[in-house]
Structure formats: C-alpha cells, structure tokens
C-alpha atoms as a PDB file:
ATOM      1  CA  MET A   1     -12.370   4.870  13.113  1.00  0.00           C
ATOM      2  CA  ALA A   2      -9.176   4.450  11.090  1.00  0.00           C
ATOM      3  CA  LYS A   3      -9.230   5.684   7.516  1.00  0.00           C
ATOM      4  CA  VAL A   4      -7.013   4.352   4.721  1.00  0.00           C
ATOM      5  CA  ALA A   5      -6.263   5.656   1.234  1.00  0.00           C
ATOM      6  CA  VAL A   6      -5.408   3.096  -1.456  1.00  0.00           C
ATOM      7  CA  LEU A   7      -3.670   4.703  -4.437  1.00  0.00           C
ATOM      8  CA  LEU A   8      -4.643   3.187  -7.786  1.00  0.00           C
ATOM      9  CA  ALA A   9      -2.394   4.199 -10.666  1.00  0.00           C
ATOM     10  CA  PRO A  10      -2.911   2.836 -14.178  1.00  0.00           C
ATOM     11  CA  GLY A  11      -1.447  -0.680 -14.238  1.00  0.00           C
ATOM     12  CA  PHE A  12      -1.854  -1.329 -10.485  1.00  0.00           C
ATOM     13  CA  GLU A  13      -1.794  -4.959  -9.285  1.00  0.00           C
ATOM     14  CA  GLU A  14      -5.492  -5.567  -8.792  1.00  0.00           C
ATOM     15  CA  ALA A  15      -5.307  -8.548  -6.439  1.00  0.00           C
ATOM     16  CA  GLU A  16      -2.932  -6.768  -4.048  1.00  0.00           C
ATOM     17  CA  ALA A  17      -5.309  -3.815  -3.959  1.00  0.00           C
ATOM     18  CA  ILE A  18      -8.546  -5.798  -3.661  1.00  0.00           C
ATOM     19  CA  ILE A  19      -7.306  -8.235  -1.003  1.00  0.00           C
ATOM     20  CA  THR A  20      -6.092  -5.333   1.117  1.00  0.00           C
ATOM     21  CA  ILE A  21      -9.303  -3.333   0.638  1.00  0.00           C
ATOM     22  CA  ASP A  22     -11.421  -6.399   1.397  1.00  0.00           C
ATOM     23  CA  ILE A  23      -9.619  -7.317   4.639  1.00  0.00           C
ATOM     24  CA  LEU A  24      -9.602  -3.725   5.904  1.00  0.00           C
ATOM     25  CA  ARG A  25     -13.308  -3.247   5.205  1.00  0.00           C
ATOM     26  CA  ARG A  26     -14.232  -6.581   6.792  1.00  0.00           C
ATOM     27  CA  LEU A  27     -12.533  -5.322   9.942  1.00  0.00           C
ATOM     28  CA  GLN A  28     -14.577  -2.094   9.831  1.00  0.00           C
ATOM     29  CA  ILE A  29     -11.656   0.080   8.724  1.00  0.00           C
ATOM     30  CA  GLU A  30     -12.751   2.814   6.343  1.00  0.00           C
ATOM     31  CA  VAL A  31     -11.060   2.646   2.937  1.00  0.00           C
ATOM     32  CA  GLU A  32     -11.111   5.200   0.164  1.00  0.00           C
ATOM     33  CA  THR A  33      -9.666   4.291  -3.217  1.00  0.00           C
ATOM     34  CA  LEU A  34      -7.977   7.183  -4.991  1.00  0.00           C
ATOM     35  CA  ALA A  35      -7.293   7.145  -8.728  1.00  0.00           C
ATOM     36  CA  CYS A  36      -3.919   8.584  -9.642  1.00  0.00           C
ATOM     37  CA  ALA A  37      -5.313   9.687 -12.983  1.00  0.00           C
ATOM     38  CA  GLU A  38      -7.480  12.452 -14.411  1.00  0.00           C
ATOM     39  CA  SER A  39     -10.663  10.452 -13.925  1.00  0.00           C
ATOM     40  CA  ARG A  40     -11.857   7.910 -11.359  1.00  0.00           C
ATOM     41  CA  ALA A  41     -11.651   5.135 -13.981  1.00  0.00           C
ATOM     42  CA  VAL A  42      -8.381   3.175 -13.810  1.00  0.00           C
ATOM     43  CA  VAL A  43      -7.341   0.040 -15.696  1.00  0.00           C
ATOM     44  CA  SER A  44      -5.347  -2.518 -13.712  1.00  0.00           C
ATOM     45  CA  TYR A  45      -2.283  -4.593 -14.584  1.00  0.00           C
ATOM     46  CA  HIS A  46      -4.419  -7.361 -16.075  1.00  0.00           C
ATOM     47  CA  ASN A  47      -6.708  -4.931 -17.916  1.00  0.00           C
ATOM     48  CA  ILE A  48      -9.547  -4.931 -15.397  1.00  0.00           C
ATOM     49  CA  PRO A  49     -11.315  -1.560 -15.405  1.00  0.00           C
ATOM     50  CA  MET A  50     -12.090  -0.185 -11.949  1.00  0.00           C
ATOM     51  CA  VAL A  51     -13.709   2.991 -10.720  1.00  0.00           C
ATOM     52  CA  ALA A  52     -12.070   4.558  -7.667  1.00  0.00           C
ATOM     53  CA  ASP A  53     -14.010   6.423  -4.993  1.00  0.00           C
ATOM     54  CA  ARG A  54     -12.240   9.703  -5.792  1.00  0.00           C
ATOM     55  CA  THR A  55      -9.240  11.008  -7.682  1.00  0.00           C
ATOM     56  CA  LEU A  56      -6.049  11.752  -5.789  1.00  0.00           C
ATOM     57  CA  ALA A  57      -6.358  15.378  -6.929  1.00  0.00           C
ATOM     58  CA  GLU A  58      -9.668  15.621  -5.033  1.00  0.00           C
ATOM     59  CA  ARG A  59      -8.040  14.391  -1.806  1.00  0.00           C
ATOM     60  CA  ILE A  60      -4.472  15.646  -2.181  1.00  0.00           C
ATOM     61  CA  ASP A  61      -4.650  17.655   1.073  1.00  0.00           C
ATOM     62  CA  THR A  62      -6.533  15.026   3.118  1.00  0.00           C
ATOM     63  CA  LEU A  63      -4.630  13.097   5.795  1.00  0.00           C
ATOM     64  CA  TYR A  64      -5.459   9.422   6.285  1.00  0.00           C
ATOM     65  CA  ASP A  65      -4.191   7.044   8.965  1.00  0.00           C
ATOM     66  CA  ALA A  66      -2.487   4.944   6.297  1.00  0.00           C
ATOM     67  CA  VAL A  67      -1.636   5.051   2.605  1.00  0.00           C
ATOM     68  CA  VAL A  68      -1.508   1.745   0.699  1.00  0.00           C
ATOM     69  CA  LEU A  69       0.574   1.561  -2.475  1.00  0.00           C
ATOM     70  CA  PRO A  70      -0.221  -1.543  -4.550  1.00  0.00           C
ATOM     71  CA  GLY A  71       2.485  -2.759  -6.908  1.00  0.00           C
ATOM     72  CA  GLY A  72       2.249  -3.941 -10.476  1.00  0.00           C
ATOM     73  CA  PRO A  73       5.067  -3.386 -12.967  1.00  0.00           C
ATOM     74  CA  GLN A  74       3.408  -0.423 -14.659  1.00  0.00           C
ATOM     75  CA  GLY A  75       1.374   0.670 -11.638  1.00  0.00           C
ATOM     76  CA  SER A  76       4.434   1.226  -9.461  1.00  0.00           C
ATOM     77  CA  VAL A  77       6.250   3.016 -12.300  1.00  0.00           C
ATOM     78  CA  ASN A  78       3.232   5.322 -12.712  1.00  0.00           C
ATOM     79  CA  LEU A  79       3.021   5.979  -8.964  1.00  0.00           C
ATOM     80  CA  ALA A  80       6.746   6.706  -8.790  1.00  0.00           C
ATOM     81  CA  ALA A  81       6.432   9.226 -11.632  1.00  0.00           C
ATOM     82  CA  SER A  82       3.387  10.992 -10.175  1.00  0.00           C
ATOM     83  CA  ARG A  83       4.301  14.247  -8.439  1.00  0.00           C
ATOM     84  CA  ASP A  84       0.955  14.238  -6.655  1.00  0.00           C
ATOM     85  CA  ALA A  85       1.438  10.677  -5.378  1.00  0.00           C
ATOM     86  CA  ILE A  86       4.928  11.506  -4.077  1.00  0.00           C
ATOM     87  CA  ARG A  87       3.662  14.719  -2.465  1.00  0.00           C
ATOM     88  CA  PHE A  88       0.776  12.778  -0.866  1.00  0.00           C
ATOM     89  CA  VAL A  89       3.018  10.000   0.471  1.00  0.00           C
ATOM     90  CA  THR A  90       5.604  12.500   1.725  1.00  0.00           C
ATOM     91  CA  ALA A  91       2.969  14.509   3.616  1.00  0.00           C
ATOM     92  CA  HIS A  92       1.677  11.347   5.276  1.00  0.00           C
ATOM     93  CA  ASP A  93       5.171  10.129   6.136  1.00  0.00           C
ATOM     94  CA  GLU A  94       6.112  13.498   7.652  1.00  0.00           C
ATOM     95  CA  SER A  95       2.908  13.353   9.732  1.00  0.00           C
ATOM     96  CA  GLY A  96       3.820   9.899  11.053  1.00  0.00           C
ATOM     97  CA  LYS A  97       0.986   8.146   9.226  1.00  0.00           C
ATOM     98  CA  LEU A  98       1.455   4.561   8.028  1.00  0.00           C
ATOM     99  CA  ILE A  99       3.056   4.167   4.605  1.00  0.00           C
ATOM    100  CA  CYS A 100       2.249   0.728   3.175  1.00  0.00           C
ATOM    101  CA  PRO A 101       3.770  -0.387  -0.127  1.00  0.00           C
ATOM    102  CA  ILE A 102       3.429  -3.930  -1.421  1.00  0.00           C
ATOM    103  CA  CYS A 103       5.378  -5.737  -4.126  1.00  0.00           C
ATOM    104  CA  SER A 104       7.339  -3.405  -6.409  1.00  0.00           C
ATOM    105  CA  ALA A 105       5.989  -0.200  -4.816  1.00  0.00           C
ATOM    106  CA  ALA A 106       8.530  -0.111  -1.959  1.00  0.00           C
ATOM    107  CA  ALA A 107      11.498  -0.143  -4.340  1.00  0.00           C
ATOM    108  CA  ARG A 108      10.059   1.870  -7.218  1.00  0.00           C
ATOM    109  CA  VAL A 109       7.881   4.443  -5.468  1.00  0.00           C
ATOM    110  CA  LEU A 110       9.633   4.927  -2.131  1.00  0.00           C
ATOM    111  CA  GLY A 111      13.179   3.826  -3.003  1.00  0.00           C
ATOM    112  CA  GLY A 112      13.029   5.559  -6.368  1.00  0.00           C
ATOM    113  CA  ASN A 113      12.154   8.863  -4.698  1.00  0.00           C
ATOM    114  CA  GLY A 114      14.411   8.706  -1.615  1.00  0.00           C
ATOM    115  CA  LEU A 115      11.465   8.051   0.711  1.00  0.00           C
ATOM    116  CA  LEU A 116      12.658   4.907   2.520  1.00  0.00           C
ATOM    117  CA  LYS A 117      14.984   7.052   4.670  1.00  0.00           C
ATOM    118  CA  GLY A 118      17.076   4.151   5.918  1.00  0.00           C
ATOM    119  CA  ARG A 119      14.105   2.087   7.095  1.00  0.00           C
ATOM    120  CA  ARG A 120      13.902  -1.674   6.691  1.00  0.00           C
ATOM    121  CA  TYR A 121      11.568  -2.857   3.919  1.00  0.00           C
ATOM    122  CA  VAL A 122      10.735  -5.749   1.593  1.00  0.00           C
ATOM    123  CA  CYS A 123       9.801  -5.737  -2.082  1.00  0.00           C
ATOM    124  CA  SER A 124       9.374  -8.199  -4.931  1.00  0.00           C
ATOM    125  CA  GLY A 125      12.081  -9.761  -7.037  1.00  0.00           C
ATOM    126  CA  GLU A 126      15.499  -8.193  -7.356  1.00  0.00           C
ATOM    127  CA  LEU A 127      14.259  -4.592  -7.288  1.00  0.00           C
ATOM    128  CA  TRP A 128      15.962  -4.073  -3.916  1.00  0.00           C
ATOM    129  CA  GLU A 129      19.336  -4.183  -5.683  1.00  0.00           C
ATOM    130  CA  THR A 130      18.780  -0.685  -7.101  1.00  0.00           C
ATOM    131  CA  VAL A 131      17.605   0.888  -3.826  1.00  0.00           C
ATOM    132  CA  THR A 132      20.176   2.951  -1.934  1.00  0.00           C
ATOM    133  CA  ASP A 133      18.191   4.603   0.869  1.00  0.00           C
ATOM    134  CA  GLY A 134      16.672   1.613   2.704  1.00  0.00           C
ATOM    135  CA  GLU A 135      17.641  -1.723   4.214  1.00  0.00           C
ATOM    136  CA  TYR A 136      16.171  -4.729   2.374  1.00  0.00           C
ATOM    137  CA  VAL A 137      14.910  -7.613   4.527  1.00  0.00           C
ATOM    138  CA  ASP A 138      13.753 -10.833   2.859  1.00  0.00           C
ATOM    139  CA  ALA A 139      10.500 -11.525   4.724  1.00  0.00           C
ATOM    140  CA  PRO A 140       6.775 -11.687   3.837  1.00  0.00           C
ATOM    141  CA  VAL A 141       6.008  -8.405   5.664  1.00  0.00           C
ATOM    142  CA  VAL A 142       8.428  -5.951   7.245  1.00  0.00           C
ATOM    143  CA  GLU A 143       7.512  -3.250   9.769  1.00  0.00           C
ATOM    144  CA  ASP A 144       9.864  -0.383  10.598  1.00  0.00           C
ATOM    145  CA  GLN A 145       8.521   2.698  12.356  1.00  0.00           C
ATOM    146  CA  ASN A 146       5.537   3.877  10.263  1.00  0.00           C
ATOM    147  CA  LEU A 147       6.490   1.764   7.227  1.00  0.00           C
ATOM    148  CA  ILE A 148       4.751  -1.576   6.597  1.00  0.00           C
ATOM    149  CA  SER A 149       5.896  -3.280   3.397  1.00  0.00           C
ATOM    150  CA  GLY A 150       4.787  -6.540   1.802  1.00  0.00           C
ATOM    151  CA  LYS A 151       6.820  -8.765  -0.503  1.00  0.00           C
ATOM    152  CA  GLY A 152       4.149  -9.363  -3.118  1.00  0.00           C
ATOM    153  CA  LEU A 153       0.827 -10.849  -4.105  1.00  0.00           C
ATOM    154  CA  GLY A 154       1.458 -14.188  -2.378  1.00  0.00           C
ATOM    155  CA  HIS A 155       1.746 -12.313   0.911  1.00  0.00           C
ATOM    156  CA  ALA A 156      -1.163  -9.898   0.419  1.00  0.00           C
ATOM    157  CA  PHE A 157      -3.263 -11.465   3.197  1.00  0.00           C
ATOM    158  CA  GLU A 158      -0.356 -11.259   5.667  1.00  0.00           C
ATOM    159  CA  PHE A 159       0.205  -7.643   4.596  1.00  0.00           C
ATOM    160  CA  ALA A 160      -3.470  -6.667   4.969  1.00  0.00           C
ATOM    161  CA  LEU A 161      -3.865  -8.415   8.333  1.00  0.00           C
ATOM    162  CA  THR A 162      -0.672  -6.832   9.689  1.00  0.00           C
ATOM    163  CA  LEU A 163      -1.857  -3.387   8.582  1.00  0.00           C
ATOM    164  CA  SER A 164      -5.272  -4.025  10.146  1.00  0.00           C
ATOM    165  CA  ALA A 165      -3.718  -4.998  13.480  1.00  0.00           C
ATOM    166  CA  ARG A 166      -1.610  -1.832  13.519  1.00  0.00           C
ATOM    167  CA  LEU A 167      -4.606   0.356  12.716  1.00  0.00           C
ATOM    168  CA  LEU A 168      -6.850  -1.321  15.287  1.00  0.00           C
ATOM    169  CA  GLY A 169      -4.117  -1.500  17.925  1.00  0.00           C
ATOM    170  CA  ASP A 170      -5.298  -5.014  18.765  1.00  0.00           C
ATOM    171  CA  ASP A 171      -4.397  -8.399  17.273  1.00  0.00           C
ATOM    172  CA  ALA A 172      -7.414 -10.248  18.720  1.00  0.00           C
ATOM    173  CA  PRO A 173     -10.113  -9.207  16.213  1.00  0.00           C
ATOM    174  CA  VAL A 174      -7.636  -9.641  13.373  1.00  0.00           C
ATOM    175  CA  ARG A 175      -6.742 -13.164  14.517  1.00  0.00           C
ATOM    176  CA  ASP A 176     -10.450 -13.995  14.837  1.00  0.00           C
ATOM    177  CA  HIS A 177     -11.057 -12.750  11.331  1.00  0.00           C
ATOM    178  CA  ALA A 178      -8.051 -14.616   9.940  1.00  0.00           C
ATOM    179  CA  ASP A 179      -9.466 -17.812  11.457  1.00  0.00           C
ATOM    180  CA  HIS A 180     -12.880 -16.979   9.961  1.00  0.00           C
ATOM    181  CA  ILE A 181     -11.425 -16.808   6.433  1.00  0.00           C
ATOM    182  CA  TYR A 182      -9.256 -19.911   7.021  1.00  0.00           C
ATOM    183  CA  TYR A 183      -5.985 -17.993   6.929  1.00  0.00           C
ATOM    184  CA  ARG A 184      -3.287 -18.978   9.412  1.00  0.00           C
ATOM    185  CA  TRP A 185      -1.971 -15.647  10.754  1.00  0.00           C
END
C-alpha cells in the first residue's frame, strides 16, 4: 500500500491539504500528516487549528512514497524556511519518491531552495517569476519525472486525483471515484 506524508506548517492552506488527504484516503492510500512545528497542533491559513498525526521531527528519517506540500502564503514561507522540511523533501527526491507541491509551495519551497532542478512545474500567481531553477508551465497540474505540482486550491481535486493515479499505477479506480464524487476527471 502506498504511503504519503502531508507536511503541515503553520499557516498551511487547509483546503488544499484536506482535499488531498480526503481523496487519497478514499482511494485506500495511507496518509500521515506531519506537523512542521514543535507540537502536533498546527493553525492553518484561515486560523483553523488542526492536530497532525505526528511531528516531522518524529518521522524525519522515514521514507514515504510521496510528500505533499500544501501552499498558503505563510505556510509555504514556513516550509521553505524549515531545515527539517527541506532535508525531508531532499531525501525523498534523491530516492525518487514523488514530490507534490500545490499552490505557492512549488515556487517558495522547491524553487526557493534550488529543488526544482530544471523540472517543469506550476504554481499560483506570479511566484514563478522569481524561480530560476525550474520551467514554469501554466496548467492545472504538471507532472515531470517524480514531481507533481498543482496550480492552486481551484485545482486541488485534479491534483489529488492525479497523485492518486500515479500512486496506484491505474487510472480506472481513480476515474470511478471521480465519477462517484461528481468530478469530471
């Protein structure tokens, strides 16, 4: 069974995180939320308190099949500034695991730390203009090697379903589920 880590830094975009977690879990993909903070309690972009499954520090040496990086103006800044988050993402990238930023996370976390490595990506707004190590593509979801990036909250379902299909290695159950939730995928 595939296992995914979702990194929750203070100020994370809650809907991007929850939609992705929800879709993955509905498709029987194991998800573990990791707080990028001293405790498991993290407050989201719109001041919604959440309790993660574990802290990143508790799982820093664990390898998952994918790492999801939700955006959020402050959340992506906090992820980008976290040495542990960058170490965790780098270890997964070097192991060929899926790296999955959505919204501002591709530009701020990966681009801001030289982790795009020339790959094609998408991010929200005009943040791509400051990125020098990747190739911006204006699309809802962009896949390049082990990088799956999503443009933003409005494309969170597309992002989560695309990630699910990659993890399952089969579009059929994902398409069935998309139909079940009335989403045209």
